[in-house]
Amino acid sequence: MKRRFTDVAQFREFVIATFMGQQHMGAAVAHPCDSAKLKITIGEREWTADLTNIFGYINSYPDEDADQLIERFLRSLTFARSSTVEDGRIVAVIRTRDYIDFLLAKGLDVLFEPLCADLMITYMADQPDSMSPLTSKAVPGKDLQAVRKIALDNVRQWLPKVVSDDQLQSGILYFVQDNTMLSTSLVLIDEFWDSIKARFPGDVLIALPRRDQLFIFGDGNPAVKMLARHLIDVTTQENFNLLSEDLFARRGDKIVLVTD
C-alpha cells in the first residue's frame, strides 16, 4: 500500500525524518510559524523549503509513489549545481512577477522577460529533479537574445511529448509528458499554435492556473469564458503548483489579458 498523509504537518514530519536519515546531508527542522515549511541547513547554507506543492501533488495523484516523490524533492534541495549551465538544459518557463521579485530580493541576477500582465518568461536550468532559475553568471558570454533562442529551441524538442485531454469538451488541457513544468511554455512556441489550428482556427482563451497545465478554449463564447474562469477558481482552491488566477487570450498572434 502506498504511503499517504492526513495533513501537511504529518507530511512535514515524515519529510524531516527522511531528510535526517540521509547521512551527511545536513539538518532539517520544522518552521515555527508555518506547518507547510521546514528550515534546511547544509554546511553554511540555510534556507526555508515549502512543502505545499509536493503535498498537494501527492494528494491529487494517489497512484504515484509518495516515497519516490519525496526522494526526488529532497534531491532537488541538495542537487550540486555547477557555476555554469550547459546549453541543453536551458529552457523558458512561465512564472509571475511576484516570483521574479522574490528572486531579485534575494540578490539573484535572474534572466527573464515580460510576457503579458504579471506573466514573465523566466529562463531556467532544467535539472534532473527541479527547475533552477538561470542567472547571467550561469551563461557567460551569452546575452538575453542568445539565451532566448537556446531556451525556445530546447522547448521545441519536447513538442512530440505534448499530450492533449479533451474531457472538458469546450476546451482542451495540454501538458508535456515527462516534463510537465514545460507545459505552460508551449504558449511561446509558434509550432505549438500551428499544431492546434485545426481544433482552434481562430482566437483562443488561455488558462494557466497551474505551472504544469495549459488550458485552451475557443474565444468569443460567454459560456466558455465562464467555464474557463470556473476552472481557474477550482484549481486555485486546490492550492498547489499555482501560477495565475487571471484569464488570457491569444488574439492576432499576441497574448493579452482578458479583463471583461
Protein backbone atom coordinates (compact mmCIF):
# COMPACT_ATOMS: atom_id res chain seq x y z
CA MET A 1 0.00 0.00 0.00
CA LYS A 2 1.35 3.38 -1.00
CA ARG A 3 2.09 5.91 1.72
CA ARG A 4 -0.45 8.67 2.35
CA PHE A 5 -0.67 11.59 4.81
CA THR A 6 -3.67 13.10 6.62
CA ASP A 7 -2.35 16.67 6.70
CA VAL A 8 0.69 18.72 5.78
CA ALA A 9 2.03 18.73 9.35
CA GLN A 10 2.21 14.93 9.37
CA PHE A 11 3.75 15.04 5.90
CA ARG A 12 6.39 17.51 7.10
CA GLU A 13 7.41 15.22 9.97
CA PHE A 14 7.95 12.37 7.52
CA VAL A 15 9.97 14.59 5.15
CA ILE A 16 12.17 15.78 8.04
CA ALA A 17 12.74 12.19 9.20
CA THR A 18 13.63 11.13 5.67
CA PHE A 19 16.00 14.06 5.28
CA MET A 20 17.72 13.41 8.60
CA GLY A 21 18.04 9.72 7.77
CA GLN A 22 20.26 10.53 4.82
CA GLN A 23 23.80 10.70 6.15
CA HIS A 24 25.90 13.85 5.92
CA MET A 25 23.16 15.89 4.23
CA GLY A 26 22.65 18.46 6.96
CA ALA A 27 19.75 19.31 9.25
CA ALA A 28 16.02 19.95 8.82
CA VAL A 29 13.64 21.35 11.44
CA ALA A 30 10.01 22.43 11.45
CA HIS A 31 9.33 26.07 10.68
CA PRO A 32 7.96 27.66 13.88
CA CYS A 33 5.19 29.65 12.17
CA ASP A 34 4.05 27.60 9.17
CA SER A 35 3.13 23.90 9.20
CA ALA A 36 3.88 23.63 5.47
CA LYS A 37 7.50 24.78 5.77
CA LEU A 38 10.76 23.47 7.13
CA LYS A 39 14.14 25.06 7.64
CA ILE A 40 17.12 23.39 5.95
CA THR A 41 20.80 23.72 6.85
CA ILE A 42 23.57 22.20 4.74
CA GLY A 43 27.06 23.37 5.58
CA GLU A 44 26.93 27.14 5.82
CA ARG A 45 23.77 27.41 3.72
CA GLU A 46 20.39 27.94 5.37
CA TRP A 47 17.01 28.32 3.68
CA THR A 48 13.31 27.59 4.01
CA ALA A 49 11.58 24.90 1.93
CA ASP A 50 7.83 25.00 1.24
CA LEU A 51 6.02 21.62 1.08
CA THR A 52 2.69 22.96 -0.20
CA ASN A 53 3.16 21.92 -3.83
CA ILE A 54 4.54 18.43 -3.27
CA PHE A 55 1.91 17.67 -0.59
CA GLY A 56 -0.85 18.82 -2.93
CA TYR A 57 0.60 16.79 -5.79
CA ILE A 58 0.73 13.59 -3.72
CA ASN A 59 -2.90 14.06 -2.65
CA SER A 60 -4.03 14.78 -6.20
CA TYR A 61 -2.19 11.83 -7.78
CA PRO A 62 -2.69 8.94 -5.32
CA ASP A 63 -1.42 6.33 -7.80
CA GLU A 64 2.09 7.80 -7.72
CA ASP A 65 4.70 6.61 -5.23
CA ALA A 66 4.96 9.17 -2.42
CA ASP A 67 8.35 7.86 -1.27
CA GLN A 68 9.84 8.35 -4.72
CA LEU A 69 8.36 11.83 -5.00
CA ILE A 70 9.81 12.80 -1.61
CA GLU A 71 13.24 11.45 -2.56
CA ARG A 72 13.11 13.49 -5.76
CA PHE A 73 12.07 16.58 -3.81
CA LEU A 74 14.99 16.16 -1.39
CA ARG A 75 17.42 15.70 -4.27
CA SER A 76 16.16 18.95 -5.76
CA LEU A 77 17.04 20.70 -2.50
CA THR A 78 20.56 19.36 -2.38
CA PHE A 79 21.50 18.98 -6.05
CA ALA A 80 25.05 20.28 -6.57
CA ARG A 81 24.73 22.83 -9.33
CA SER A 82 27.79 23.88 -11.28
CA SER A 83 28.59 27.55 -11.75
CA THR A 84 27.66 27.32 -15.43
CA VAL A 85 24.75 25.61 -17.20
CA GLU A 86 25.00 23.50 -20.34
CA ASP A 87 23.09 24.84 -23.34
CA GLY A 88 20.99 21.68 -23.50
CA ARG A 89 19.50 22.39 -20.06
CA ILE A 90 18.39 25.97 -20.75
CA VAL A 91 14.60 26.34 -21.07
CA ALA A 92 11.94 29.02 -20.86
CA VAL A 93 9.02 28.70 -18.43
CA ILE A 94 6.18 30.99 -17.37
CA ARG A 95 6.24 32.49 -13.90
CA THR A 96 4.74 35.60 -12.28
CA ARG A 97 6.14 38.99 -11.39
CA ASP A 98 5.89 38.07 -7.69
CA TYR A 99 8.16 35.09 -8.30
CA ILE A 100 10.72 37.26 -10.08
CA ASP A 101 10.55 39.94 -7.38
CA PHE A 102 11.19 37.25 -4.74
CA LEU A 103 14.33 36.09 -6.55
CA LEU A 104 15.56 39.63 -7.13
CA ALA A 105 15.06 40.42 -3.43
CA LYS A 106 17.38 37.51 -2.65
CA GLY A 107 20.05 39.15 -4.80
CA LEU A 108 19.79 36.72 -7.72
CA ASP A 109 20.55 38.16 -11.15
CA VAL A 110 17.85 36.08 -12.85
CA LEU A 111 17.16 36.20 -16.57
CA PHE A 112 13.57 37.00 -17.54
CA GLU A 113 11.39 38.98 -19.94
CA PRO A 114 7.81 40.27 -19.64
CA LEU A 115 5.11 38.31 -21.45
CA CYS A 116 1.71 39.76 -20.51
CA ALA A 117 0.32 41.47 -17.42
CA ASP A 118 2.16 39.84 -14.49
CA LEU A 119 3.36 36.83 -16.52
CA MET A 120 7.10 36.61 -17.08
CA ILE A 121 9.15 34.45 -19.44
CA THR A 122 11.67 33.06 -16.97
CA TYR A 123 14.81 31.30 -18.13
CA MET A 124 15.77 28.25 -16.11
CA ALA A 125 18.11 25.30 -15.94
CA ASP A 126 16.16 22.08 -16.42
CA GLN A 127 17.94 19.99 -13.79
CA PRO A 128 17.23 16.27 -13.17
CA ASP A 129 14.92 16.96 -10.23
CA SER A 130 13.97 20.63 -10.44
CA MET A 131 13.81 23.83 -12.43
CA SER A 132 16.50 26.25 -11.25
CA PRO A 133 16.35 29.98 -12.11
CA LEU A 134 19.07 30.95 -14.55
CA THR A 135 21.41 33.82 -13.73
CA SER A 136 23.71 35.71 -16.08
CA LYS A 137 26.72 34.12 -14.35
CA ALA A 138 25.46 30.67 -15.36
CA VAL A 139 25.62 31.56 -19.07
CA PRO A 140 28.86 33.54 -19.53
CA GLY A 141 29.28 35.16 -22.93
CA LYS A 142 25.58 34.89 -23.81
CA ASP A 143 23.20 37.84 -23.98
CA LEU A 144 19.45 37.58 -23.42
CA GLN A 145 18.74 37.12 -27.13
CA ALA A 146 21.10 34.15 -27.33
CA VAL A 147 19.63 32.60 -24.18
CA ARG A 148 16.10 33.07 -25.57
CA LYS A 149 16.93 31.23 -28.80
CA ILE A 150 18.59 28.32 -27.00
CA ALA A 151 15.75 28.05 -24.48
CA LEU A 152 12.95 28.03 -27.06
CA ASP A 153 14.81 25.56 -29.28
CA ASN A 154 15.10 23.23 -26.30
CA VAL A 155 11.38 23.56 -25.53
CA ARG A 156 10.59 22.73 -29.17
CA GLN A 157 12.33 19.38 -28.75
CA TRP A 158 9.55 18.41 -26.32
CA LEU A 159 6.71 19.01 -28.81
CA PRO A 160 6.43 15.28 -29.66
CA LYS A 161 5.68 14.73 -25.96
CA VAL A 162 2.68 17.09 -25.86
CA VAL A 163 -0.46 15.33 -24.64
CA SER A 164 -4.00 16.67 -25.10
CA ASP A 165 -7.01 15.85 -22.94
CA ASP A 166 -10.44 16.89 -24.23
CA GLN A 167 -12.56 15.77 -21.26
CA LEU A 168 -13.68 19.38 -20.82
CA GLN A 169 -15.29 19.22 -24.30
CA SER A 170 -15.42 23.02 -24.55
CA GLY A 171 -11.66 23.20 -24.12
CA ILE A 172 -8.51 21.11 -24.09
CA LEU A 173 -5.87 20.52 -21.45
CA TYR A 174 -2.33 20.32 -22.83
CA PHE A 175 0.72 19.12 -20.93
CA VAL A 176 4.21 17.88 -21.70
CA GLN A 177 4.59 14.24 -20.75
CA ASP A 178 7.72 13.51 -18.67
CA ASN A 179 8.38 17.23 -18.17
CA THR A 180 5.11 18.85 -17.09
CA MET A 181 6.80 22.05 -15.92
CA LEU A 182 7.27 22.91 -19.60
CA SER A 183 3.52 22.72 -20.26
CA THR A 184 2.88 26.46 -19.97
CA SER A 185 5.99 27.11 -22.10
CA LEU A 186 4.02 25.86 -25.10
CA VAL A 187 2.38 29.30 -25.44
CA LEU A 188 5.81 30.61 -26.52
CA ILE A 189 6.23 28.20 -29.42
CA ASP A 190 4.80 29.03 -32.87
CA GLU A 191 4.91 25.37 -33.86
CA PHE A 192 2.57 24.51 -30.99
CA TRP A 193 0.00 27.05 -32.15
CA ASP A 194 0.31 25.73 -35.72
CA SER A 195 -0.34 22.20 -34.46
CA ILE A 196 -3.70 23.12 -32.88
CA LYS A 197 -5.06 25.32 -35.67
CA ALA A 198 -7.43 22.61 -36.85
CA ARG A 199 -9.04 22.47 -33.38
CA PHE A 200 -8.81 26.22 -32.70
CA PRO A 201 -8.79 28.07 -36.04
CA GLY A 202 -9.40 31.50 -34.50
CA ASP A 203 -8.55 33.39 -31.34
CA VAL A 204 -8.35 31.39 -28.12
CA LEU A 205 -8.69 31.81 -24.37
CA ILE A 206 -5.76 30.64 -22.24
CA ALA A 207 -5.93 29.49 -18.63
CA LEU A 208 -2.69 28.91 -16.73
CA PRO A 209 -3.91 28.23 -13.19
CA ARG A 210 -1.08 25.78 -12.50
CA ARG A 211 2.57 25.68 -13.52
CA ASP A 212 2.19 22.24 -15.07
CA GLN A 213 -1.02 22.68 -17.10
CA LEU A 214 -2.16 24.67 -20.13
CA PHE A 215 -5.87 25.00 -20.92
CA ILE A 216 -7.04 26.30 -24.30
CA PHE A 217 -10.63 27.32 -25.12
CA GLY A 218 -12.24 28.86 -28.17
CA ASP A 219 -12.72 32.60 -27.81
CA GLY A 220 -15.98 34.50 -28.24
CA ASN A 221 -18.46 32.34 -26.32
CA PRO A 222 -19.52 33.80 -22.93
CA ALA A 223 -20.41 30.34 -21.60
CA VAL A 224 -16.96 29.03 -22.44
CA LYS A 225 -15.39 32.04 -20.77
CA MET A 226 -17.39 31.31 -17.60
CA LEU A 227 -16.22 27.70 -17.72
CA ALA A 228 -12.61 28.81 -18.03
CA ARG A 229 -12.91 31.15 -15.06
CA HIS A 230 -14.62 28.43 -13.01
CA LEU A 231 -11.76 26.06 -13.83
CA ILE A 232 -9.27 28.66 -12.58
CA ASP A 233 -11.25 29.12 -9.34
CA VAL A 234 -11.41 25.38 -8.66
CA THR A 235 -7.70 24.92 -9.36
CA THR A 236 -6.81 27.82 -7.08
CA GLN A 237 -8.72 26.14 -4.25
CA GLU A 238 -6.56 23.02 -4.71
CA ASN A 239 -3.61 25.26 -3.78
CA PHE A 240 -0.57 23.64 -5.34
CA ASN A 241 1.68 24.49 -8.27
CA LEU A 242 -0.36 27.67 -8.66
CA LEU A 243 0.58 30.10 -11.41
CA SER A 244 -2.09 32.66 -12.31
CA GLU A 245 -5.70 33.40 -11.38
CA ASP A 246 -6.09 35.57 -14.50
CA LEU A 247 -7.58 34.57 -17.84
CA PHE A 248 -5.63 35.33 -21.00
CA ALA A 249 -6.26 35.20 -24.72
CA ARG A 250 -4.27 34.88 -27.91
CA ARG A 251 -5.65 37.40 -30.35
CA GLY A 252 -3.86 38.35 -33.52
CA ASP A 253 -0.89 36.16 -32.50
CA LYS A 254 -0.44 38.19 -29.33
CA ILE A 255 -1.14 37.06 -25.77
CA VAL A 256 -3.31 39.57 -23.88
CA LEU A 257 -5.04 39.78 -20.51
CA VAL A 258 -8.82 39.21 -20.53
CA THR A 259 -10.40 41.88 -18.37
CA ASP A 260 -14.09 41.71 -19.32
